[in-house]
Amino acid sequence: MRRNPVVPYAIIAILGVLTVVIISFVGLNQRADIQVAEEGGSEQTEESQEGETTGGDPEAVFQANCAACHGGDLSGGMGPALTTVGSTHSADEIADIIQNGIGSMPAQSQVAGEELTALSEWLSEQK
């Protein structure tokens, strides 16, 4: 008795297609969860991206949200150095830049309220 060599390949193909369909549905559910988290994430202003509470400490807010681009010591990196940003911008201007972005810097909407005020005032003192 001879087996049909196409049957095992057909079974593997069907299992592969079913796996892709299942993974796609799981991904769609995760996409919805991510969108919900992003929409609700702007309301929780006292949590950094790592989930740690910064409590309005401007240096902690900077480390959690800005240091990746501007350097942990304000010396710059991908973004410009901020060691003397206070000599060219007021606290209000800095707050506006943080909220709305400027040039290639995107808006940092996760920094708001008390954290935004503390961070912009702290940066305006860097002269």
PDB file of N, CA and C in Angstrom:
ATOM      1  N   MET A   1       0.841  -1.164   0.000  1.00  0.00           N
ATOM      2  CA  MET A   1       0.000   0.000   0.000  1.00  0.00           C
ATOM      3  C   MET A   1       0.897   1.241   0.000  1.00  0.00           C
ATOM      4  N   ARG A   2       0.588   2.131  -0.873  1.00  0.00           N
ATOM      5  CA  ARG A   2       1.409   3.320  -1.040  1.00  0.00           C
ATOM      6  C   ARG A   2       0.681   4.538  -0.495  1.00  0.00           C
ATOM      7  N   ARG A   3       1.397   5.361   0.276  1.00  0.00           N
ATOM      8  CA  ARG A   3       0.803   6.587   0.833  1.00  0.00           C
ATOM      9  C   ARG A   3       0.888   7.721  -0.169  1.00  0.00           C
ATOM     10  N   ASN A   4      -0.033   8.653  -0.023  1.00  0.00           N
ATOM     11  CA  ASN A   4      -0.015   9.843  -0.859  1.00  0.00           C
ATOM     12  C   ASN A   4       0.953  10.850  -0.230  1.00  0.00           C
ATOM     13  N   PRO A   5       2.034  11.247  -0.922  1.00  0.00           N
ATOM     14  CA  PRO A   5       3.035  12.147  -0.325  1.00  0.00           C
ATOM     15  C   PRO A   5       2.531  13.583  -0.150  1.00  0.00           C
ATOM     16  N   VAL A   6       1.417  13.949  -0.744  1.00  0.00           N
ATOM     17  CA  VAL A   6       0.905  15.315  -0.647  1.00  0.00           C
ATOM     18  C   VAL A   6       0.164  15.545   0.667  1.00  0.00           C
ATOM     19  N   VAL A   7      -0.405  14.534   1.250  1.00  0.00           N
ATOM     20  CA  VAL A   7      -1.224  14.667   2.456  1.00  0.00           C
ATOM     21  C   VAL A   7      -0.436  15.287   3.619  1.00  0.00           C
ATOM     22  N   PRO A   8       0.773  14.817   3.957  1.00  0.00           N
ATOM     23  CA  PRO A   8       1.480  15.456   5.076  1.00  0.00           C
ATOM     24  C   PRO A   8       1.758  16.937   4.824  1.00  0.00           C
ATOM     25  N   TYR A   9       2.091  17.303   3.601  1.00  0.00           N
ATOM     26  CA  TYR A   9       2.349  18.707   3.282  1.00  0.00           C
ATOM     27  C   TYR A   9       1.080  19.545   3.378  1.00  0.00           C
ATOM     28  N   ALA A  10      -0.031  18.981   2.986  1.00  0.00           N
ATOM     29  CA  ALA A  10      -1.304  19.691   3.081  1.00  0.00           C
ATOM     30  C   ALA A  10      -1.681  19.915   4.541  1.00  0.00           C
ATOM     31  N   ILE A  11      -1.451  18.910   5.380  1.00  0.00           N
ATOM     32  CA  ILE A  11      -1.751  19.061   6.808  1.00  0.00           C
ATOM     33  C   ILE A  11      -0.865  20.143   7.424  1.00  0.00           C
ATOM     34  N   ILE A  12       0.407  20.141   7.077  1.00  0.00           N
ATOM     35  CA  ILE A  12       1.331  21.158   7.593  1.00  0.00           C
ATOM     36  C   ILE A  12       0.905  22.545   7.115  1.00  0.00           C
ATOM     37  N   ALA A  13       0.495  22.666   5.864  1.00  0.00           N
ATOM     38  CA  ALA A  13       0.057  23.959   5.333  1.00  0.00           C
ATOM     39  C   ALA A  13      -1.194  24.451   6.043  1.00  0.00           C
ATOM     40  N   ILE A  14      -2.143  23.565   6.286  1.00  0.00           N
ATOM     41  CA  ILE A  14      -3.380  23.944   6.976  1.00  0.00           C
ATOM     42  C   ILE A  14      -3.076  24.382   8.402  1.00  0.00           C
ATOM     43  N   LEU A  15      -2.213  23.637   9.095  1.00  0.00           N
ATOM     44  CA  LEU A  15      -1.822  24.028  10.459  1.00  0.00           C
ATOM     45  C   LEU A  15      -1.109  25.386  10.470  1.00  0.00           C
ATOM     46  N   GLY A  16      -0.292  25.618   9.466  1.00  0.00           N
ATOM     47  CA  GLY A  16       0.406  26.906   9.369  1.00  0.00           C
ATOM     48  C   GLY A  16      -0.560  28.065   9.174  1.00  0.00           C
ATOM     49  N   VAL A  17      -1.530  27.887   8.293  1.00  0.00           N
ATOM     50  CA  VAL A  17      -2.528  28.929   8.041  1.00  0.00           C
ATOM     51  C   VAL A  17      -3.354  29.184   9.299  1.00  0.00           C
ATOM     52  N   LEU A  18      -3.769  28.120   9.972  1.00  0.00           N
ATOM     53  CA  LEU A  18      -4.533  28.284  11.215  1.00  0.00           C
ATOM     54  C   LEU A  18      -3.711  29.013  12.278  1.00  0.00           C
ATOM     55  N   THR A  19      -2.433  28.700  12.370  1.00  0.00           N
ATOM     56  CA  THR A  19      -1.561  29.376  13.337  1.00  0.00           C
ATOM     57  C   THR A  19      -1.471  30.865  13.037  1.00  0.00           C
ATOM     58  N   VAL A  20      -1.314  31.225  11.782  1.00  0.00           N
ATOM     59  CA  VAL A  20      -1.241  32.643  11.393  1.00  0.00           C
ATOM     60  C   VAL A  20      -2.546  33.357  11.728  1.00  0.00           C
ATOM     61  N   VAL A  21      -3.675  32.725  11.463  1.00  0.00           N
ATOM     62  CA  VAL A  21      -4.972  33.333  11.760  1.00  0.00           C
ATOM     63  C   VAL A  21      -5.123  33.551  13.258  1.00  0.00           C
ATOM     64  N   ILE A  22      -4.763  32.557  14.052  1.00  0.00           N
ATOM     65  CA  ILE A  22      -4.870  32.683  15.509  1.00  0.00           C
ATOM     66  C   ILE A  22      -3.970  33.787  16.026  1.00  0.00           C
ATOM     67  N   ILE A  23      -2.742  33.832  15.550  1.00  0.00           N
ATOM     68  CA  ILE A  23      -1.805  34.877  15.988  1.00  0.00           C
ATOM     69  C   ILE A  23      -2.315  36.260  15.581  1.00  0.00           C
ATOM     70  N   SER A  24      -2.935  36.356  14.411  1.00  0.00           N
ATOM     71  CA  SER A  24      -3.491  37.644  13.975  1.00  0.00           C
ATOM     72  C   SER A  24      -4.592  38.129  14.907  1.00  0.00           C
ATOM     73  N   PHE A  25      -5.484  37.236  15.313  1.00  0.00           N
ATOM     74  CA  PHE A  25      -6.553  37.625  16.240  1.00  0.00           C
ATOM     75  C   PHE A  25      -5.983  38.037  17.590  1.00  0.00           C
ATOM     76  N   VAL A  26      -4.988  37.330  18.057  1.00  0.00           N
ATOM     77  CA  VAL A  26      -4.344  37.703  19.326  1.00  0.00           C
ATOM     78  C   VAL A  26      -3.715  39.083  19.197  1.00  0.00           C
ATOM     79  N   GLY A  27      -3.067  39.341  18.074  1.00  0.00           N
ATOM     80  CA  GLY A  27      -2.449  40.647  17.841  1.00  0.00           C
ATOM     81  C   GLY A  27      -3.467  41.770  17.791  1.00  0.00           C
ATOM     82  N   LEU A  28      -4.616  41.527  17.183  1.00  0.00           N
ATOM     83  CA  LEU A  28      -5.655  42.553  17.133  1.00  0.00           C
ATOM     84  C   LEU A  28      -6.139  42.899  18.533  1.00  0.00           C
ATOM     85  N   ASN A  29      -6.287  41.899  19.388  1.00  0.00           N
ATOM     86  CA  ASN A  29      -6.704  42.152  20.763  1.00  0.00           C
ATOM     87  C   ASN A  29      -5.642  42.950  21.515  1.00  0.00           C
ATOM     88  N   GLN A  30      -4.390  42.653  21.269  1.00  0.00           N
ATOM     89  CA  GLN A  30      -3.322  43.406  21.923  1.00  0.00           C
ATOM     90  C   GLN A  30      -3.283  44.839  21.408  1.00  0.00           C
ATOM     91  N   ARG A  31      -3.558  45.034  20.142  1.00  0.00           N
ATOM     92  CA  ARG A  31      -3.569  46.386  19.583  1.00  0.00           C
ATOM     93  C   ARG A  31      -4.625  47.235  20.281  1.00  0.00           C
ATOM     94  N   ALA A  32      -5.792  46.662  20.496  1.00  0.00           N
ATOM     95  CA  ALA A  32      -6.850  47.395  21.190  1.00  0.00           C
ATOM     96  C   ALA A  32      -6.434  47.722  22.625  1.00  0.00           C
ATOM     97  N   ASP A  33      -5.798  46.774  23.298  1.00  0.00           N
ATOM     98  CA  ASP A  33      -5.319  47.020  24.663  1.00  0.00           C
ATOM     99  C   ASP A  33      -4.276  48.130  24.695  1.00  0.00           C
ATOM    100  N   ILE A  34      -3.393  48.147  23.707  1.00  0.00           N
ATOM    101  CA  ILE A  34      -2.361  49.184  23.645  1.00  0.00           C
ATOM    102  C   ILE A  34      -3.008  50.554  23.434  1.00  0.00           C
ATOM    103  N   GLN A  35      -3.997  50.644  22.557  1.00  0.00           N
ATOM    104  CA  GLN A  35      -4.675  51.911  22.323  1.00  0.00           C
ATOM    105  C   GLN A  35      -5.374  52.404  23.580  1.00  0.00           C
ATOM    106  N   VAL A  36      -6.009  51.500  24.311  1.00  0.00           N
ATOM    107  CA  VAL A  36      -6.673  51.874  25.558  1.00  0.00           C
ATOM    108  C   VAL A  36      -5.642  52.374  26.565  1.00  0.00           C
ATOM    109  N   ALA A  37      -4.520  51.693  26.650  1.00  0.00           N
ATOM    110  CA  ALA A  37      -3.466  52.094  27.587  1.00  0.00           C
ATOM    111  C   ALA A  37      -2.896  53.464  27.214  1.00  0.00           C
ATOM    112  N   GLU A  38      -2.717  53.728  25.919  1.00  0.00           N
ATOM    113  CA  GLU A  38      -2.200  55.024  25.492  1.00  0.00           C
ATOM    114  C   GLU A  38      -3.185  56.148  25.784  1.00  0.00           C
ATOM    115  N   GLU A  39      -4.450  55.899  25.566  1.00  0.00           N
ATOM    116  CA  GLU A  39      -5.458  56.924  25.834  1.00  0.00           C
ATOM    117  C   GLU A  39      -5.568  57.211  27.319  1.00  0.00           C
ATOM    118  N   GLY A  40      -5.489  56.191  28.141  1.00  0.00           N
ATOM    119  CA  GLY A  40      -5.576  56.357  29.585  1.00  0.00           C
ATOM    120  C   GLY A  40      -4.250  56.727  30.197  1.00  0.00           C
ATOM    121  N   GLY A  41      -3.144  56.523  29.478  1.00  0.00           N
ATOM    122  CA  GLY A  41      -1.810  56.783  30.015  1.00  0.00           C
ATOM    123  C   GLY A  41      -1.532  58.252  30.253  1.00  0.00           C
ATOM    124  N   SER A  42      -2.173  59.143  29.481  1.00  0.00           N
ATOM    125  CA  SER A  42      -1.924  60.567  29.664  1.00  0.00           C
ATOM    126  C   SER A  42      -2.571  61.091  30.941  1.00  0.00           C
ATOM    127  N   GLU A  43      -3.526  60.331  31.513  1.00  0.00           N
ATOM    128  CA  GLU A  43      -4.162  60.769  32.745  1.00  0.00           C
ATOM    129  C   GLU A  43      -3.292  60.501  33.963  1.00  0.00           C
ATOM    130  N   GLN A  44      -2.397  59.538  33.872  1.00  0.00           N
ATOM    131  CA  GLN A  44      -1.541  59.194  34.997  1.00  0.00           C
ATOM    132  C   GLN A  44      -0.212  59.908  34.829  1.00  0.00           C
ATOM    133  N   THR A  45      -0.137  61.154  35.246  1.00  0.00           N
ATOM    134  CA  THR A  45       1.044  61.950  35.009  1.00  0.00           C
ATOM    135  C   THR A  45       2.143  61.722  36.025  1.00  0.00           C
ATOM    136  N   GLU A  46       1.853  61.090  37.138  1.00  0.00           N
ATOM    137  CA  GLU A  46       2.885  60.906  38.140  1.00  0.00           C
ATOM    138  C   GLU A  46       3.619  59.581  38.006  1.00  0.00           C
ATOM    139  N   GLU A  47       3.417  58.888  36.904  1.00  0.00           N
ATOM    140  CA  GLU A  47       4.149  57.662  36.677  1.00  0.00           C
ATOM    141  C   GLU A  47       5.049  57.848  35.476  1.00  0.00           C
ATOM    142  N   SER A  48       6.292  57.436  35.622  1.00  0.00           N
ATOM    143  CA  SER A  48       7.222  57.526  34.514  1.00  0.00           C
ATOM    144  C   SER A  48       6.977  56.368  33.564  1.00  0.00           C
ATOM    145  N   GLN A  49       7.726  56.311  32.473  1.00  0.00           N
ATOM    146  CA  GLN A  49       7.540  55.246  31.505  1.00  0.00           C
ATOM    147  C   GLN A  49       7.880  53.892  32.101  1.00  0.00           C
ATOM    148  N   GLU A  50       8.759  53.841  33.066  1.00  0.00           N
ATOM    149  CA  GLU A  50       9.104  52.590  33.700  1.00  0.00           C
ATOM    150  C   GLU A  50       8.102  52.212  34.766  1.00  0.00           C
ATOM    151  N   GLY A  51       7.107  53.068  35.041  1.00  0.00           N
ATOM    152  CA  GLY A  51       6.095  52.767  36.020  1.00  0.00           C
ATOM    153  C   GLY A  51       6.465  53.245  37.411  1.00  0.00           C
ATOM    154  N   GLU A  52       7.580  53.937  37.554  1.00  0.00           N
ATOM    155  CA  GLU A  52       7.980  54.439  38.856  1.00  0.00           C
ATOM    156  C   GLU A  52       7.335  55.808  39.078  1.00  0.00           C
ATOM    157  N   THR A  53       6.975  56.096  40.302  1.00  0.00           N
ATOM    158  CA  THR A  53       6.399  57.387  40.627  1.00  0.00           C
ATOM    159  C   THR A  53       7.526  58.388  40.792  1.00  0.00           C
ATOM    160  N   THR A  54       7.400  59.535  40.129  1.00  0.00           N
ATOM    161  CA  THR A  54       8.444  60.552  40.220  1.00  0.00           C
ATOM    162  C   THR A  54       8.114  61.590  41.273  1.00  0.00           C
ATOM    163  N   GLY A  55       6.853  61.726  41.634  1.00  0.00           N
ATOM    164  CA  GLY A  55       6.451  62.642  42.690  1.00  0.00           C
ATOM    165  C   GLY A  55       6.739  64.100  42.393  1.00  0.00           C
ATOM    166  N   GLY A  56       6.881  64.470  41.133  1.00  0.00           N
ATOM    167  CA  GLY A  56       7.130  65.863  40.792  1.00  0.00           C
ATOM    168  C   GLY A  56       8.587  66.263  40.924  1.00  0.00           C
ATOM    169  N   ASP A  57       9.494  65.333  41.242  1.00  0.00           N
ATOM    170  CA  ASP A  57      10.925  65.618  41.317  1.00  0.00           C
ATOM    171  C   ASP A  57      11.428  65.856  39.894  1.00  0.00           C
ATOM    172  N   PRO A  58      11.861  67.076  39.578  1.00  0.00           N
ATOM    173  CA  PRO A  58      12.200  67.394  38.192  1.00  0.00           C
ATOM    174  C   PRO A  58      13.354  66.555  37.642  1.00  0.00           C
ATOM    175  N   GLU A  59      14.329  66.237  38.461  1.00  0.00           N
ATOM    176  CA  GLU A  59      15.441  65.424  37.970  1.00  0.00           C
ATOM    177  C   GLU A  59      14.986  64.004  37.658  1.00  0.00           C
ATOM    178  N   ALA A  60      14.083  63.460  38.472  1.00  0.00           N
ATOM    179  CA  ALA A  60      13.552  62.127  38.210  1.00  0.00           C
ATOM    180  C   ALA A  60      12.683  62.134  36.953  1.00  0.00           C
ATOM    181  N   VAL A  61      11.906  63.190  36.758  1.00  0.00           N
ATOM    182  CA  VAL A  61      11.084  63.319  35.548  1.00  0.00           C
ATOM    183  C   VAL A  61      11.999  63.389  34.332  1.00  0.00           C
ATOM    184  N   PHE A  62      13.075  64.170  34.434  1.00  0.00           N
ATOM    185  CA  PHE A  62      14.029  64.294  33.329  1.00  0.00           C
ATOM    186  C   PHE A  62      14.654  62.942  33.018  1.00  0.00           C
ATOM    187  N   GLN A  63      15.116  62.239  34.036  1.00  0.00           N
ATOM    188  CA  GLN A  63      15.761  60.938  33.821  1.00  0.00           C
ATOM    189  C   GLN A  63      14.792  59.946  33.177  1.00  0.00           C
ATOM    190  N   ALA A  64      13.534  59.984  33.589  1.00  0.00           N
ATOM    191  CA  ALA A  64      12.552  59.033  33.075  1.00  0.00           C
ATOM    192  C   ALA A  64      12.089  59.359  31.658  1.00  0.00           C
ATOM    193  N   ASN A  65      12.092  60.635  31.270  1.00  0.00           N
ATOM    194  CA  ASN A  65      11.483  61.026  30.002  1.00  0.00           C
ATOM    195  C   ASN A  65      12.415  61.697  29.003  1.00  0.00           C
ATOM    196  N   CYS A  66      13.507  62.273  29.437  1.00  0.00           N
ATOM    197  CA  CYS A  66      14.313  63.112  28.560  1.00  0.00           C
ATOM    198  C   CYS A  66      15.754  62.634  28.380  1.00  0.00           C
ATOM    199  N   ALA A  67      16.274  61.936  29.381  1.00  0.00           N
ATOM    200  CA  ALA A  67      17.696  61.594  29.403  1.00  0.00           C
ATOM    201  C   ALA A  67      18.119  60.718  28.230  1.00  0.00           C
ATOM    202  N   ALA A  68      17.238  59.923  27.706  1.00  0.00           N
ATOM    203  CA  ALA A  68      17.600  59.045  26.595  1.00  0.00           C
ATOM    204  C   ALA A  68      18.091  59.850  25.387  1.00  0.00           C
ATOM    205  N   CYS A  69      17.518  61.001  25.153  1.00  0.00           N
ATOM    206  CA  CYS A  69      17.918  61.822  24.007  1.00  0.00           C
ATOM    207  C   CYS A  69      18.851  62.976  24.395  1.00  0.00           C
ATOM    208  N   HIS A  70      18.637  63.546  25.582  1.00  0.00           N
ATOM    209  CA  HIS A  70      19.391  64.728  25.983  1.00  0.00           C
ATOM    210  C   HIS A  70      20.531  64.423  26.943  1.00  0.00           C
ATOM    211  N   GLY A  71      20.766  63.156  27.244  1.00  0.00           N
ATOM    212  CA  GLY A  71      21.862  62.766  28.122  1.00  0.00           C
ATOM    213  C   GLY A  71      21.477  62.889  29.584  1.00  0.00           C
ATOM    214  N   GLY A  72      21.934  61.965  30.377  1.00  0.00           N
ATOM    215  CA  GLY A  72      21.617  61.947  31.800  1.00  0.00           C
ATOM    216  C   GLY A  72      22.147  63.153  32.542  1.00  0.00           C
ATOM    217  N   ASP A  73      23.198  63.782  31.982  1.00  0.00           N
ATOM    218  CA  ASP A  73      23.791  64.957  32.616  1.00  0.00           C
ATOM    219  C   ASP A  73      23.532  66.235  31.815  1.00  0.00           C
ATOM    220  N   LEU A  74      22.496  66.222  30.977  1.00  0.00           N
ATOM    221  CA  LEU A  74      22.081  67.358  30.136  1.00  0.00           C
ATOM    222  C   LEU A  74      23.079  67.678  29.019  1.00  0.00           C
ATOM    223  N   SER A  75      24.072  66.815  28.808  1.00  0.00           N
ATOM    224  CA  SER A  75      25.139  67.120  27.852  1.00  0.00           C
ATOM    225  C   SER A  75      24.767  66.829  26.405  1.00  0.00           C
ATOM    226  N   GLY A  76      23.598  66.275  26.173  1.00  0.00           N
ATOM    227  CA  GLY A  76      23.167  66.011  24.811  1.00  0.00           C
ATOM    228  C   GLY A  76      23.442  64.581  24.401  1.00  0.00           C
ATOM    229  N   GLY A  77      23.008  64.251  23.235  1.00  0.00           N
ATOM    230  CA  GLY A  77      23.132  62.916  22.665  1.00  0.00           C
ATOM    231  C   GLY A  77      22.475  62.989  21.314  1.00  0.00           C
ATOM    232  N   MET A  78      21.358  62.281  21.159  1.00  0.00           N
ATOM    233  CA  MET A  78      20.571  62.423  19.922  1.00  0.00           C
ATOM    234  C   MET A  78      19.953  63.813  19.876  1.00  0.00           C
ATOM    235  N   GLY A  79      19.575  64.324  21.040  1.00  0.00           N
ATOM    236  CA  GLY A  79      19.000  65.661  21.140  1.00  0.00           C
ATOM    237  C   GLY A  79      20.079  66.644  21.578  1.00  0.00           C
ATOM    238  N   PRO A  80      19.789  67.922  21.518  1.00  0.00           N
ATOM    239  CA  PRO A  80      20.788  68.916  21.896  1.00  0.00           C
ATOM    240  C   PRO A  80      21.070  68.931  23.400  1.00  0.00           C
ATOM    241  N   ALA A  81      22.213  69.475  23.747  1.00  0.00           N
ATOM    242  CA  ALA A  81      22.571  69.652  25.154  1.00  0.00           C
ATOM    243  C   ALA A  81      21.626  70.668  25.786  1.00  0.00           C
ATOM    244  N   LEU A  82      21.291  70.452  27.054  1.00  0.00           N
ATOM    245  CA  LEU A  82      20.387  71.356  27.764  1.00  0.00           C
ATOM    246  C   LEU A  82      21.095  72.033  28.941  1.00  0.00           C
ATOM    247  N   THR A  83      22.410  72.027  28.940  1.00  0.00           N
ATOM    248  CA  THR A  83      23.159  72.579  30.069  1.00  0.00           C
ATOM    249  C   THR A  83      22.937  74.076  30.236  1.00  0.00           C
ATOM    250  N   THR A  84      22.604  74.780  29.153  1.00  0.00           N
ATOM    251  CA  THR A  84      22.377  76.229  29.238  1.00  0.00           C
ATOM    252  C   THR A  84      21.026  76.623  28.640  1.00  0.00           C
ATOM    253  N   VAL A  85      20.073  75.710  28.643  1.00  0.00           N
ATOM    254  CA  VAL A  85      18.775  75.988  28.028  1.00  0.00           C
ATOM    255  C   VAL A  85      18.062  77.154  28.710  1.00  0.00           C
ATOM    256  N   GLY A  86      18.287  77.367  30.001  1.00  0.00           N
ATOM    257  CA  GLY A  86      17.633  78.450  30.728  1.00  0.00           C
ATOM    258  C   GLY A  86      18.100  79.826  30.309  1.00  0.00           C
ATOM    259  N   SER A  87      19.260  79.916  29.673  1.00  0.00           N
ATOM    260  CA  SER A  87      19.746  81.223  29.227  1.00  0.00           C
ATOM    261  C   SER A  87      19.070  81.670  27.931  1.00  0.00           C
ATOM    262  N   THR A  88      18.407  80.747  27.238  1.00  0.00           N
ATOM    263  CA  THR A  88      17.747  81.110  25.984  1.00  0.00           C
ATOM    264  C   THR A  88      16.235  80.945  26.019  1.00  0.00           C
ATOM    265  N   HIS A  89      15.706  80.193  26.993  1.00  0.00           N
ATOM    266  CA  HIS A  89      14.271  79.948  27.062  1.00  0.00           C
ATOM    267  C   HIS A  89      13.753  80.124  28.485  1.00  0.00           C
ATOM    268  N   SER A  90      12.549  80.669  28.598  1.00  0.00           N
ATOM    269  CA  SER A  90      11.896  80.804  29.902  1.00  0.00           C
ATOM    270  C   SER A  90      11.226  79.477  30.264  1.00  0.00           C
ATOM    271  N   ALA A  91      10.760  79.381  31.487  1.00  0.00           N
ATOM    272  CA  ALA A  91      10.074  78.165  31.942  1.00  0.00           C
ATOM    273  C   ALA A  91       8.823  77.912  31.098  1.00  0.00           C
ATOM    274  N   ASP A  92       8.102  78.968  30.749  1.00  0.00           N
ATOM    275  CA  ASP A  92       6.895  78.808  29.923  1.00  0.00           C
ATOM    276  C   ASP A  92       7.240  78.314  28.521  1.00  0.00           C
ATOM    277  N   GLU A  93       8.316  78.856  27.950  1.00  0.00           N
ATOM    278  CA  GLU A  93       8.738  78.413  26.620  1.00  0.00           C
ATOM    279  C   GLU A  93       9.178  76.949  26.648  1.00  0.00           C
ATOM    280  N   ILE A  94       9.893  76.570  27.696  1.00  0.00           N
ATOM    281  CA  ILE A  94      10.345  75.183  27.822  1.00  0.00           C
ATOM    282  C   ILE A  94       9.144  74.259  27.973  1.00  0.00           C
ATOM    283  N   ALA A  95       8.167  74.654  28.775  1.00  0.00           N
ATOM    284  CA  ALA A  95       6.951  73.850  28.949  1.00  0.00           C
ATOM    285  C   ALA A  95       6.234  73.678  27.611  1.00  0.00           C
ATOM    286  N   ASP A  96       6.177  74.746  26.813  1.00  0.00           N
ATOM    287  CA  ASP A  96       5.535  74.678  25.499  1.00  0.00           C
ATOM    288  C   ASP A  96       6.285  73.715  24.582  1.00  0.00           C
ATOM    289  N   ILE A  97       7.605  73.762  24.607  1.00  0.00           N
ATOM    290  CA  ILE A  97       8.415  72.857  23.774  1.00  0.00           C
ATOM    291  C   ILE A  97       8.190  71.411  24.197  1.00  0.00           C
ATOM    292  N   ILE A  98       8.149  71.165  25.505  1.00  0.00           N
ATOM    293  CA  ILE A  98       7.935  69.803  25.994  1.00  0.00           C
ATOM    294  C   ILE A  98       6.564  69.294  25.555  1.00  0.00           C
ATOM    295  N   GLN A  99       5.538  70.105  25.688  1.00  0.00           N
ATOM    296  CA  GLN A  99       4.183  69.677  25.360  1.00  0.00           C
ATOM    297  C   GLN A  99       3.923  69.572  23.863  1.00  0.00           C
ATOM    298  N   ASN A 100       4.496  70.456  23.061  1.00  0.00           N
ATOM    299  CA  ASN A 100       4.173  70.507  21.637  1.00  0.00           C
ATOM    300  C   ASN A 100       5.294  70.040  20.722  1.00  0.00           C
ATOM    301  N   GLY A 101       6.495  69.882  21.277  1.00  0.00           N
ATOM    302  CA  GLY A 101       7.627  69.494  20.453  1.00  0.00           C
ATOM    303  C   GLY A 101       8.155  70.679  19.667  1.00  0.00           C
ATOM    304  N   ILE A 102       9.329  70.500  19.081  1.00  0.00           N
ATOM    305  CA  ILE A 102       9.941  71.530  18.250  1.00  0.00           C
ATOM    306  C   ILE A 102      10.969  70.853  17.362  1.00  0.00           C
ATOM    307  N   GLY A 103      11.027  71.250  16.101  1.00  0.00           N
ATOM    308  CA  GLY A 103      11.980  70.632  15.187  1.00  0.00           C
ATOM    309  C   GLY A 103      11.773  69.130  15.119  1.00  0.00           C
ATOM    310  N   SER A 104      12.843  68.385  15.375  1.00  0.00           N
ATOM    311  CA  SER A 104      12.742  66.924  15.323  1.00  0.00           C
ATOM    312  C   SER A 104      12.329  66.313  16.660  1.00  0.00           C
ATOM    313  N   MET A 105      12.139  67.156  17.686  1.00  0.00           N
ATOM    314  CA  MET A 105      11.697  66.648  18.987  1.00  0.00           C
ATOM    315  C   MET A 105      10.182  66.486  18.983  1.00  0.00           C
ATOM    316  N   PRO A 106       9.698  65.267  19.250  1.00  0.00           N
ATOM    317  CA  PRO A 106       8.251  65.075  19.303  1.00  0.00           C
ATOM    318  C   PRO A 106       7.666  65.605  20.608  1.00  0.00           C
ATOM    319  N   ALA A 107       6.384  65.847  20.610  1.00  0.00           N
ATOM    320  CA  ALA A 107       5.691  66.276  21.825  1.00  0.00           C
ATOM    321  C   ALA A 107       5.797  65.187  22.885  1.00  0.00           C
ATOM    322  N   GLN A 108       5.977  65.602  24.124  1.00  0.00           N
ATOM    323  CA  GLN A 108       6.107  64.667  25.243  1.00  0.00           C
ATOM    324  C   GLN A 108       4.849  64.793  26.104  1.00  0.00           C
ATOM    325  N   SER A 109       3.739  64.306  25.586  1.00  0.00           N
ATOM    326  CA  SER A 109       2.451  64.484  26.258  1.00  0.00           C
ATOM    327  C   SER A 109       2.348  63.699  27.563  1.00  0.00           C
ATOM    328  N   GLN A 110       3.243  62.733  27.781  1.00  0.00           N
ATOM    329  CA  GLN A 110       3.205  61.984  29.036  1.00  0.00           C
ATOM    330  C   GLN A 110       3.698  62.826  30.206  1.00  0.00           C
ATOM    331  N   VAL A 111       4.367  63.935  29.916  1.00  0.00           N
ATOM    332  CA  VAL A 111       4.807  64.862  30.964  1.00  0.00           C
ATOM    333  C   VAL A 111       3.788  65.989  31.011  1.00  0.00           C
ATOM    334  N   ALA A 112       3.041  66.071  32.092  1.00  0.00           N
ATOM    335  CA  ALA A 112       1.983  67.075  32.193  1.00  0.00           C
ATOM    336  C   ALA A 112       1.791  67.472  33.649  1.00  0.00           C
ATOM    337  N   GLY A 113       0.996  68.495  33.844  1.00  0.00           N
ATOM    338  CA  GLY A 113       0.624  68.925  35.188  1.00  0.00           C
ATOM    339  C   GLY A 113       1.798  69.335  36.042  1.00  0.00           C
ATOM    340  N   GLU A 114       1.821  68.802  37.249  1.00  0.00           N
ATOM    341  CA  GLU A 114       2.841  69.140  38.232  1.00  0.00           C
ATOM    342  C   GLU A 114       4.249  68.782  37.738  1.00  0.00           C
ATOM    343  N   GLU A 115       4.365  67.648  37.063  1.00  0.00           N
ATOM    344  CA  GLU A 115       5.667  67.219  36.547  1.00  0.00           C
ATOM    345  C   GLU A 115       6.172  68.181  35.479  1.00  0.00           C
ATOM    346  N   LEU A 116       5.289  68.630  34.591  1.00  0.00           N
ATOM    347  CA  LEU A 116       5.668  69.565  33.534  1.00  0.00           C
ATOM    348  C   LEU A 116       6.147  70.877  34.139  1.00  0.00           C
ATOM    349  N   THR A 117       5.421  71.388  35.113  1.00  0.00           N
ATOM    350  CA  THR A 117       5.793  72.644  35.759  1.00  0.00           C
ATOM    351  C   THR A 117       7.152  72.512  36.444  1.00  0.00           C
ATOM    352  N   ALA A 118       7.322  71.450  37.214  1.00  0.00           N
ATOM    353  CA  ALA A 118       8.582  71.254  37.933  1.00  0.00           C
ATOM    354  C   ALA A 118       9.753  71.091  36.965  1.00  0.00           C
ATOM    355  N   LEU A 119       9.560  70.302  35.903  1.00  0.00           N
ATOM    356  CA  LEU A 119      10.626  70.069  34.939  1.00  0.00           C
ATOM    357  C   LEU A 119      10.994  71.342  34.190  1.00  0.00           C
ATOM    358  N   SER A 120      10.003  72.088  33.718  1.00  0.00           N
ATOM    359  CA  SER A 120      10.305  73.299  32.951  1.00  0.00           C
ATOM    360  C   SER A 120      10.969  74.364  33.819  1.00  0.00           C
ATOM    361  N   GLU A 121      10.560  74.492  35.079  1.00  0.00           N
ATOM    362  CA  GLU A 121      11.211  75.452  35.974  1.00  0.00           C
ATOM    363  C   GLU A 121      12.641  75.031  36.270  1.00  0.00           C
ATOM    364  N   TRP A 122      12.856  73.730  36.474  1.00  0.00           N
ATOM    365  CA  TRP A 122      14.208  73.224  36.743  1.00  0.00           C
ATOM    366  C   TRP A 122      15.115  73.443  35.536  1.00  0.00           C
ATOM    367  N   LEU A 123      14.600  73.164  34.325  1.00  0.00           N
ATOM    368  CA  LEU A 123      15.401  73.381  33.142  1.00  0.00           C
ATOM    369  C   LEU A 123      15.676  74.870  32.893  1.00  0.00           C
ATOM    370  N   SER A 124      14.740  75.725  33.248  1.00  0.00           N
ATOM    371  CA  SER A 124      14.962  77.174  33.045  1.00  0.00           C
ATOM    372  C   SER A 124      16.048  77.710  33.966  1.00  0.00           C
ATOM    373  N   GLU A 125      16.373  76.982  35.030  1.00  0.00           N
ATOM    374  CA  GLU A 125      17.455  77.386  35.941  1.00  0.00           C
ATOM    375  C   GLU A 125      18.823  76.944  35.434  1.00  0.00           C
ATOM    376  N   GLN A 126      18.855  76.135  34.374  1.00  0.00           N
ATOM    377  CA  GLN A 126      20.127  75.661  33.817  1.00  0.00           C
ATOM    378  C   GLN A 126      20.684  76.763  32.907  1.00  0.00           C
ATOM    379  N   LYS A 127      21.652  77.499  33.425  1.00  0.00           N
ATOM    380  CA  LYS A 127      22.217  78.624  32.653  1.00  0.00           C
ATOM    381  C   LYS A 127      23.706  78.536  32.554  1.00  0.00           C
TER     382      LYS A 127
END
